[in-house]
Amino acid sequence: MTAEAGPERILLVRLSAIGDIVFASPLIDAFRAAWPQAHLAWLVHPGCASVLVHQPALDAVIEWPQPRLRALLAERRFGVLRRELMRLGQELRAQRFDLAVDLQGLMKSALPTRLTGAPTRIGLDSREGGGLLMTRVIHSPRNDRRIGSEYRVLAEALDLPLGDFAMRLAPGAEARARAEQLIRRAGLSDGFVLFCPFTTRPQKHWFEDRWAELAGRLSRLAADAGIGLPVRLLGAPDDRAAAQRIAQVAGAPLDAWVGETSLPLAAALIERASLLIGVDTGLSHMGIAAQIPTLLLFGATRPYLKTGRAEARVLYHARDCSPCRRRPTCDGRFDCMRAIDVDQVLLAARALLDEHGKSPMCKPEGQSQ
């Protein structure tokens, strides 16, 4: 592909999840740089669309109703499902995409890619038979530990300009203004730490008592250094009960924002944080995209070990069973996450703040200025 004979209408397909969409976001700039005049759109799950709608280099964000399609399949309403797919296919074909790229590599993403009718359909690591619906499949190496490595490999295979190939957050002006209001109202304008402890899989969690201990010790350390660095949690409505338990043990109002933010608002708050500490969840990866000091705690999964940024680091202790992903073998002990103790996290957090933060904390814990 060359700029002289390039596509005029391009569709990127990555339906979910939040973290993976953030990982893939450098491709927006790469495709735009390759074909500046092309119409560039992204097909996405409705629940993830808000992550993309303010990306300046995208011309359109198209919502694919995957939850409804899944429900129709589960209810065995095959006739309705078929008619819905026909309607969606007609809408996609009407947009006359000449290049469609399946970034997810599953059948659920390969199907809409095929329904576009685009003459060139490229799949990334296509699985579940999705490769049969593509005109070309690009495979990424499994041993590349760089963040978003598969998307970089795809960009290289298509000879796209890489630039800095950095992930981008685009919360939008309204979310940024709302974040500023929340920060001022909470008295956090001088800086704050965000914890992102919550995921849908328990084997990716760190332990609630350790989050509570970390919050207390981090706050005391900041106070000893003569700075204020309150801690807040971010999470979804379903995470409120866990957030309240952590806050109760910590004895501090850490949970004020859990379940209270949209995705754009959460992204805008992350942009303003002094430090983010989190597990393998979409909000945590946003810290790297926002270029703030970010510390990731990985265990059952480790989507990357090389963050590509000096202000972002990973704590990960490999075991014989690592990474188990969806199949833990430790009888619920989650040994890989248990191996990460509060002292390690606190030491790494202090180093990040000292080297890259606006409020360095370089004194040992308990030592006054």
Protein backbone atom coordinates (compact mmCIF):
# COMPACT_ATOMS: atom_id res chain seq x y z
CA MET A 1 0.00 0.00 0.00
CA THR A 2 1.23 3.50 -0.82
CA ALA A 3 -0.10 6.97 -0.22
CA GLU A 4 -0.50 7.43 -4.01
CA ALA A 5 -2.76 4.38 -4.39
CA GLY A 6 -4.12 4.13 -0.89
CA PRO A 7 -7.63 3.52 0.39
CA GLU A 8 -10.16 6.32 0.49
CA ARG A 9 -12.35 4.88 3.26
CA ILE A 10 -10.87 2.86 6.14
CA LEU A 11 -12.60 1.03 8.97
CA LEU A 12 -10.76 -0.18 12.08
CA VAL A 13 -12.61 -2.89 14.01
CA ARG A 14 -11.87 -3.38 17.69
CA LEU A 15 -15.12 -3.88 19.56
CA SER A 16 -13.69 -4.15 23.11
CA ALA A 17 -12.20 -4.04 25.71
CA ILE A 18 -11.19 -0.66 27.10
CA GLY A 19 -7.55 -1.54 27.68
CA ASP A 20 -7.17 -3.14 24.26
CA ILE A 21 -8.71 -0.11 22.57
CA VAL A 22 -6.21 2.10 24.40
CA PHE A 23 -3.39 -0.23 23.28
CA ALA A 24 -4.60 0.04 19.67
CA SER A 25 -5.03 3.82 19.71
CA PRO A 26 -1.59 4.56 18.14
CA LEU A 27 -2.96 3.09 14.91
CA ILE A 28 -5.29 6.07 14.56
CA ASP A 29 -2.35 8.42 14.06
CA ALA A 30 -0.48 5.84 11.97
CA PHE A 31 -3.33 5.38 9.47
CA ARG A 32 -3.98 9.12 9.41
CA ALA A 33 -0.32 9.84 8.67
CA ALA A 34 -0.28 7.26 5.87
CA TRP A 35 -3.47 8.49 4.21
CA PRO A 36 -4.25 12.03 5.40
CA GLN A 37 -7.25 12.49 3.12
CA ALA A 38 -8.92 9.14 3.82
CA HIS A 39 -12.15 8.79 5.78
CA LEU A 40 -11.10 6.93 8.95
CA ALA A 41 -13.73 5.22 11.14
CA TRP A 42 -13.72 2.79 14.07
CA LEU A 43 -16.32 0.09 14.77
CA VAL A 44 -16.77 -0.49 18.50
CA HIS A 45 -19.00 -1.94 21.21
CA PRO A 46 -21.47 0.73 22.45
CA GLY A 47 -20.06 0.55 25.98
CA CYS A 48 -16.58 1.45 24.73
CA ALA A 49 -17.49 4.10 22.15
CA SER A 50 -16.93 7.03 24.53
CA VAL A 51 -13.21 6.18 24.66
CA LEU A 52 -12.96 7.05 20.96
CA VAL A 53 -15.51 9.75 20.13
CA HIS A 54 -13.13 12.64 20.92
CA GLN A 55 -10.11 11.25 19.08
CA PRO A 56 -9.32 14.13 16.68
CA ALA A 57 -7.92 11.97 13.88
CA LEU A 58 -11.06 9.80 13.64
CA ASP A 59 -13.82 10.88 11.27
CA ALA A 60 -16.46 8.55 12.71
CA VAL A 61 -17.13 6.10 15.52
CA ILE A 62 -19.68 3.42 14.60
CA GLU A 63 -21.38 1.38 17.29
CA TRP A 64 -21.82 -2.35 16.70
CA PRO A 65 -24.67 -3.73 18.90
CA GLN A 66 -22.82 -6.81 20.11
CA PRO A 67 -24.84 -7.14 23.36
CA ARG A 68 -28.11 -7.28 21.42
CA LEU A 69 -26.71 -9.78 18.91
CA ARG A 70 -25.42 -11.98 21.74
CA ALA A 71 -28.81 -11.84 23.46
CA LEU A 72 -30.65 -12.84 20.28
CA LEU A 73 -28.29 -15.80 19.85
CA ALA A 74 -28.73 -16.89 23.47
CA GLU A 75 -32.51 -16.67 23.11
CA ARG A 76 -32.30 -18.72 19.87
CA ARG A 77 -34.16 -16.02 17.96
CA PHE A 78 -32.30 -16.91 14.82
CA GLY A 79 -34.69 -15.26 12.38
CA VAL A 80 -34.48 -11.92 14.17
CA LEU A 81 -30.71 -12.29 14.44
CA ARG A 82 -30.40 -12.94 10.72
CA ARG A 83 -32.52 -9.90 9.82
CA GLU A 84 -30.53 -7.73 12.22
CA LEU A 85 -27.23 -8.84 10.69
CA MET A 86 -28.59 -8.18 7.20
CA ARG A 87 -29.61 -4.67 8.24
CA LEU A 88 -26.26 -3.97 9.87
CA GLY A 89 -24.43 -5.32 6.83
CA GLN A 90 -26.41 -3.04 4.53
CA GLU A 91 -25.51 -0.05 6.68
CA LEU A 92 -21.83 -0.95 6.65
CA ARG A 93 -21.73 -1.61 2.90
CA ALA A 94 -23.44 1.71 2.24
CA GLN A 95 -20.35 3.42 3.66
CA ARG A 96 -18.22 1.85 0.90
CA PHE A 97 -15.12 1.06 2.91
CA ASP A 98 -12.30 -0.15 0.70
CA LEU A 99 -10.07 -1.24 3.60
CA ALA A 100 -11.35 -2.89 6.79
CA VAL A 101 -8.92 -4.04 9.50
CA ASP A 102 -9.97 -6.49 12.22
CA LEU A 103 -7.78 -5.63 15.20
CA GLN A 104 -9.50 -8.08 17.55
CA GLY A 105 -8.97 -11.32 15.67
CA LEU A 106 -12.14 -13.08 16.83
CA MET A 107 -15.18 -14.26 14.91
CA LYS A 108 -17.34 -11.56 16.52
CA SER A 109 -15.05 -8.91 14.99
CA ALA A 110 -14.33 -10.79 11.76
CA LEU A 111 -18.06 -10.95 10.93
CA PRO A 112 -18.67 -7.19 10.75
CA THR A 113 -15.33 -6.80 8.97
CA ARG A 114 -16.61 -9.18 6.29
CA LEU A 115 -20.04 -7.52 6.19
CA THR A 116 -18.44 -4.23 5.16
CA GLY A 117 -17.86 -5.72 1.72
CA ALA A 118 -14.46 -4.01 1.68
CA PRO A 119 -12.31 -5.53 -1.08
CA THR A 120 -9.29 -5.53 1.27
CA ARG A 121 -9.90 -7.06 4.69
CA ILE A 122 -6.94 -7.53 7.00
CA GLY A 123 -7.07 -9.58 10.18
CA LEU A 124 -4.63 -9.37 13.08
CA ASP A 125 -3.93 -12.81 14.57
CA SER A 126 -7.31 -14.03 13.28
CA ARG A 127 -8.72 -16.94 15.32
CA GLU A 128 -11.95 -18.95 15.54
CA GLY A 129 -12.02 -19.27 11.76
CA GLY A 130 -12.08 -15.49 11.26
CA GLY A 131 -9.10 -15.70 8.94
CA LEU A 132 -11.34 -17.29 6.32
CA LEU A 133 -13.23 -13.99 6.10
CA MET A 134 -10.08 -11.95 5.52
CA THR A 135 -8.07 -11.31 2.38
CA ARG A 136 -4.90 -11.17 4.46
CA VAL A 137 -3.92 -12.19 7.98
CA ILE A 138 -0.99 -10.64 9.85
CA HIS A 139 0.52 -12.61 12.73
CA SER A 140 2.28 -11.02 15.67
CA PRO A 141 5.06 -12.74 17.67
CA ARG A 142 4.09 -14.15 21.05
CA ASN A 143 7.35 -13.27 22.80
CA ASP A 144 7.20 -9.50 22.26
CA ARG A 145 6.76 -7.90 25.70
CA ARG A 146 6.32 -4.32 24.48
CA ILE A 147 3.03 -2.62 25.23
CA GLY A 148 0.68 -2.86 22.23
CA SER A 149 3.28 -4.88 20.34
CA GLU A 150 0.74 -6.62 18.08
CA TYR A 151 -0.54 -3.28 16.80
CA ARG A 152 2.98 -2.08 16.13
CA VAL A 153 3.64 -5.28 14.16
CA LEU A 154 0.52 -4.64 12.09
CA ALA A 155 1.57 -1.05 11.40
CA GLU A 156 5.01 -2.25 10.30
CA ALA A 157 3.49 -4.92 8.06
CA LEU A 158 1.34 -2.28 6.36
CA ASP A 159 4.29 0.11 6.09
CA LEU A 160 2.48 2.78 8.09
CA PRO A 161 4.47 5.69 9.55
CA LEU A 162 5.10 4.82 13.18
CA GLY A 163 6.06 8.20 14.62
CA ASP A 164 6.26 7.82 18.38
CA PHE A 165 3.48 5.18 18.22
CA ALA A 166 2.13 6.48 21.50
CA MET A 167 -1.25 5.68 23.00
CA ARG A 168 -3.58 8.67 23.16
CA LEU A 169 -6.32 9.66 25.58
CA ALA A 170 -9.04 11.98 24.34
CA PRO A 171 -11.58 12.61 27.11
CA GLY A 172 -12.98 15.74 25.49
CA ALA A 173 -13.36 19.30 26.78
CA GLU A 174 -16.55 18.62 28.74
CA ALA A 175 -15.00 15.72 30.69
CA ARG A 176 -11.87 17.72 31.41
CA ALA A 177 -13.92 20.63 32.75
CA ARG A 178 -15.95 18.26 34.93
CA ALA A 179 -12.76 16.63 36.22
CA GLU A 180 -11.41 20.04 37.19
CA GLN A 181 -14.59 20.75 39.14
CA LEU A 182 -14.35 17.42 41.01
CA ILE A 183 -10.69 17.95 41.81
CA ARG A 184 -11.27 21.47 43.16
CA ARG A 185 -14.32 20.41 45.15
CA ALA A 186 -12.32 17.59 46.78
CA GLY A 187 -9.41 19.90 47.55
CA LEU A 188 -7.00 17.87 45.41
CA SER A 189 -5.58 20.61 43.19
CA ASP A 190 -2.10 20.12 44.67
CA GLY A 191 -2.00 16.47 43.62
CA PHE A 192 -3.53 13.08 44.32
CA VAL A 193 -2.91 9.37 43.77
CA LEU A 194 -5.36 7.11 41.94
CA PHE A 195 -5.76 3.42 42.71
CA CYS A 196 -7.38 1.23 40.02
CA PRO A 197 -7.80 -2.08 41.89
CA PHE A 198 -10.82 -3.60 40.17
CA THR A 199 -11.26 -6.05 37.29
CA THR A 200 -13.80 -8.68 36.31
CA ARG A 201 -11.43 -11.56 37.11
CA PRO A 202 -10.41 -12.22 40.73
CA GLN A 203 -7.09 -13.73 39.72
CA LYS A 204 -5.99 -10.30 38.45
CA HIS A 205 -6.83 -8.59 41.76
CA TRP A 206 -4.37 -7.52 44.40
CA PHE A 207 -5.72 -7.91 47.94
CA GLU A 208 -8.08 -5.46 49.61
CA ASP A 209 -6.14 -5.31 52.88
CA ARG A 210 -2.97 -4.50 50.96
CA TRP A 211 -4.64 -1.66 49.05
CA ALA A 212 -5.82 -0.26 52.39
CA GLU A 213 -2.36 -0.59 53.95
CA LEU A 214 -0.74 0.98 50.89
CA ALA A 215 -3.10 3.95 51.02
CA GLY A 216 -2.28 4.62 54.66
CA ARG A 217 1.46 4.27 54.29
CA LEU A 218 1.58 6.33 51.09
CA SER A 219 -0.36 9.13 52.75
CA ARG A 220 1.92 9.07 55.80
CA LEU A 221 4.99 9.08 53.59
CA ALA A 222 3.70 12.10 51.69
CA ALA A 223 2.94 13.89 54.95
CA ASP A 224 6.46 13.16 56.26
CA ALA A 225 7.83 14.69 53.06
CA GLY A 226 5.76 17.81 53.67
CA ILE A 227 3.30 17.32 50.83
CA GLY A 228 -0.35 16.40 50.58
CA LEU A 229 -1.04 13.42 48.37
CA PRO A 230 -4.53 12.02 49.06
CA VAL A 231 -5.62 8.72 47.54
CA ARG A 232 -8.78 8.10 45.53
CA LEU A 233 -10.12 4.92 43.90
CA LEU A 234 -11.56 4.60 40.42
CA GLY A 235 -13.93 1.85 39.36
CA ALA A 236 -17.34 0.91 38.04
CA PRO A 237 -20.66 0.82 39.94
CA ASP A 238 -20.22 -2.91 40.58
CA ASP A 239 -16.99 -2.12 42.43
CA ARG A 240 -18.59 0.07 45.12
CA ALA A 241 -18.86 -2.61 47.80
CA ALA A 242 -15.18 -3.58 47.46
CA ALA A 243 -14.17 0.09 47.42
CA GLN A 244 -16.10 0.72 50.62
CA ARG A 245 -14.38 -2.22 52.31
CA ILE A 246 -10.95 -0.88 51.32
CA ALA A 247 -11.84 2.61 52.51
CA GLN A 248 -13.18 1.28 55.81
CA VAL A 249 -9.96 -0.61 56.57
CA ALA A 250 -7.85 2.36 55.46
CA GLY A 251 -9.94 4.74 57.57
CA ALA A 252 -10.09 7.30 54.76
CA PRO A 253 -12.68 8.37 52.13
CA LEU A 254 -10.91 6.66 49.25
CA ASP A 255 -14.03 5.49 47.42
CA ALA A 256 -15.67 8.83 46.59
CA TRP A 257 -15.30 8.43 42.82
CA VAL A 258 -16.01 4.70 42.39
CA GLY A 259 -19.08 4.22 40.20
CA GLU A 260 -19.46 7.98 39.82
CA THR A 261 -17.54 8.63 36.60
CA SER A 262 -18.10 8.02 32.93
CA LEU A 263 -15.16 6.64 30.95
CA PRO A 264 -14.25 10.08 29.56
CA LEU A 265 -14.43 11.59 33.06
CA ALA A 266 -12.27 8.81 34.47
CA ALA A 267 -9.74 9.44 31.69
CA ALA A 268 -9.74 13.17 32.48
CA LEU A 269 -9.13 12.48 36.17
CA ILE A 270 -6.30 10.13 35.28
CA GLU A 271 -4.67 12.87 33.21
CA ARG A 272 -4.57 15.06 36.34
CA ALA A 273 -3.29 12.44 38.81
CA SER A 274 0.18 12.61 40.34
CA LEU A 275 0.47 8.81 40.32
CA LEU A 276 -1.66 5.85 39.28
CA ILE A 277 -1.29 2.37 40.77
CA GLY A 278 -3.44 -0.39 39.34
CA VAL A 279 -3.86 -3.96 38.18
CA ASP A 280 -4.44 -5.22 34.64
CA THR A 281 -7.54 -3.19 33.83
CA GLY A 282 -8.40 -0.59 31.23
CA LEU A 283 -8.26 2.37 33.59
CA SER A 284 -4.73 1.42 34.67
CA HIS A 285 -3.46 1.33 31.09
CA MET A 286 -4.89 4.81 30.59
CA GLY A 287 -2.25 6.05 33.01
CA ILE A 288 0.46 5.18 30.49
CA ALA A 289 -1.51 6.83 27.69
CA ALA A 290 -1.86 9.94 29.85
CA GLN A 291 1.93 9.94 30.40
CA ILE A 292 1.65 10.19 34.17
CA PRO A 293 3.70 8.12 36.66
CA THR A 294 2.04 4.70 36.52
CA LEU A 295 2.74 1.49 38.41
CA LEU A 296 1.11 -1.76 37.23
CA LEU A 297 0.71 -4.91 39.31
CA PHE A 298 0.51 -7.98 37.06
CA GLY A 299 0.13 -11.66 37.92
CA ALA A 300 -2.28 -14.04 36.20
CA THR A 301 -2.02 -11.83 33.13
CA ARG A 302 0.80 -9.65 31.92
CA PRO A 303 -0.20 -8.00 28.65
CA TYR A 304 3.20 -6.33 28.51
CA LEU A 305 6.32 -5.94 30.62
CA LYS A 306 7.95 -3.11 28.64
CA THR A 307 5.82 0.01 28.98
CA GLY A 308 7.83 2.11 26.55
CA ARG A 309 7.85 5.01 29.00
CA ALA A 310 10.28 5.83 31.81
CA GLU A 311 7.47 7.00 34.08
CA ALA A 312 5.55 3.70 33.80
CA ARG A 313 6.69 0.43 35.37
CA VAL A 314 5.42 -3.10 35.94
CA LEU A 315 5.74 -5.24 39.07
CA TYR A 316 5.48 -8.91 38.08
CA HIS A 317 6.82 -12.09 39.65
CA ALA A 318 6.73 -14.99 37.22
CA ARG A 319 5.96 -18.44 38.60
CA ASP A 320 5.97 -21.87 36.99
CA CYS A 321 2.27 -21.47 36.24
CA SER A 322 2.54 -17.89 34.92
CA PRO A 323 0.64 -16.49 33.23
CA CYS A 324 -2.40 -18.67 33.92
CA ARG A 325 -4.83 -16.11 32.44
CA ARG A 326 -8.31 -17.59 32.87
CA ARG A 327 -7.15 -20.91 34.36
CA PRO A 328 -5.68 -20.42 37.85
CA THR A 329 -4.11 -23.52 39.35
CA CYS A 330 -3.38 -22.18 42.86
CA ASP A 331 -6.75 -22.97 44.48
CA GLY A 332 -7.64 -19.33 44.92
CA ARG A 333 -4.40 -18.28 46.65
CA PHE A 334 -3.32 -16.18 43.66
CA ASP A 335 0.33 -16.68 44.59
CA CYS A 336 1.65 -14.46 41.79
CA MET A 337 -0.23 -11.44 43.15
CA ARG A 338 0.51 -12.38 46.76
CA ALA A 339 4.22 -12.21 45.93
CA ILE A 340 3.81 -8.46 45.40
CA ASP A 341 3.91 -6.98 48.89
CA VAL A 342 3.18 -3.47 50.10
CA ASP A 343 6.86 -2.67 50.65
CA GLN A 344 7.66 -3.39 46.99
CA VAL A 345 4.79 -1.26 45.74
CA LEU A 346 5.62 1.60 48.08
CA LEU A 347 9.30 1.54 47.08
CA ALA A 348 8.43 1.60 43.36
CA ALA A 349 5.82 4.33 43.88
CA ARG A 350 8.32 6.49 45.77
CA ALA A 351 10.87 6.06 42.99
CA LEU A 352 8.36 7.08 40.31
CA LEU A 353 7.27 10.15 42.23
CA ASP A 354 10.85 11.13 42.99
CA GLU A 355 12.00 10.73 39.40
CA HIS A 356 8.95 11.82 37.44
CA GLY A 357 6.38 13.33 39.77
CA LYS A 358 5.68 16.98 40.52
CA SER A 359 5.90 16.29 44.26
CA PRO A 360 9.07 14.22 44.98
CA MET A 361 9.10 12.02 48.04
CA CYS A 362 12.73 11.22 48.55
CA LYS A 363 12.93 10.88 52.32
CA PRO A 364 12.70 7.50 54.05
CA GLU A 365 9.35 6.67 55.61
CA GLY A 366 9.00 8.24 59.04
CA GLN A 367 11.83 10.78 58.58
CA SER A 368 10.75 14.38 58.76
CA GLN A 369 12.21 17.19 56.73
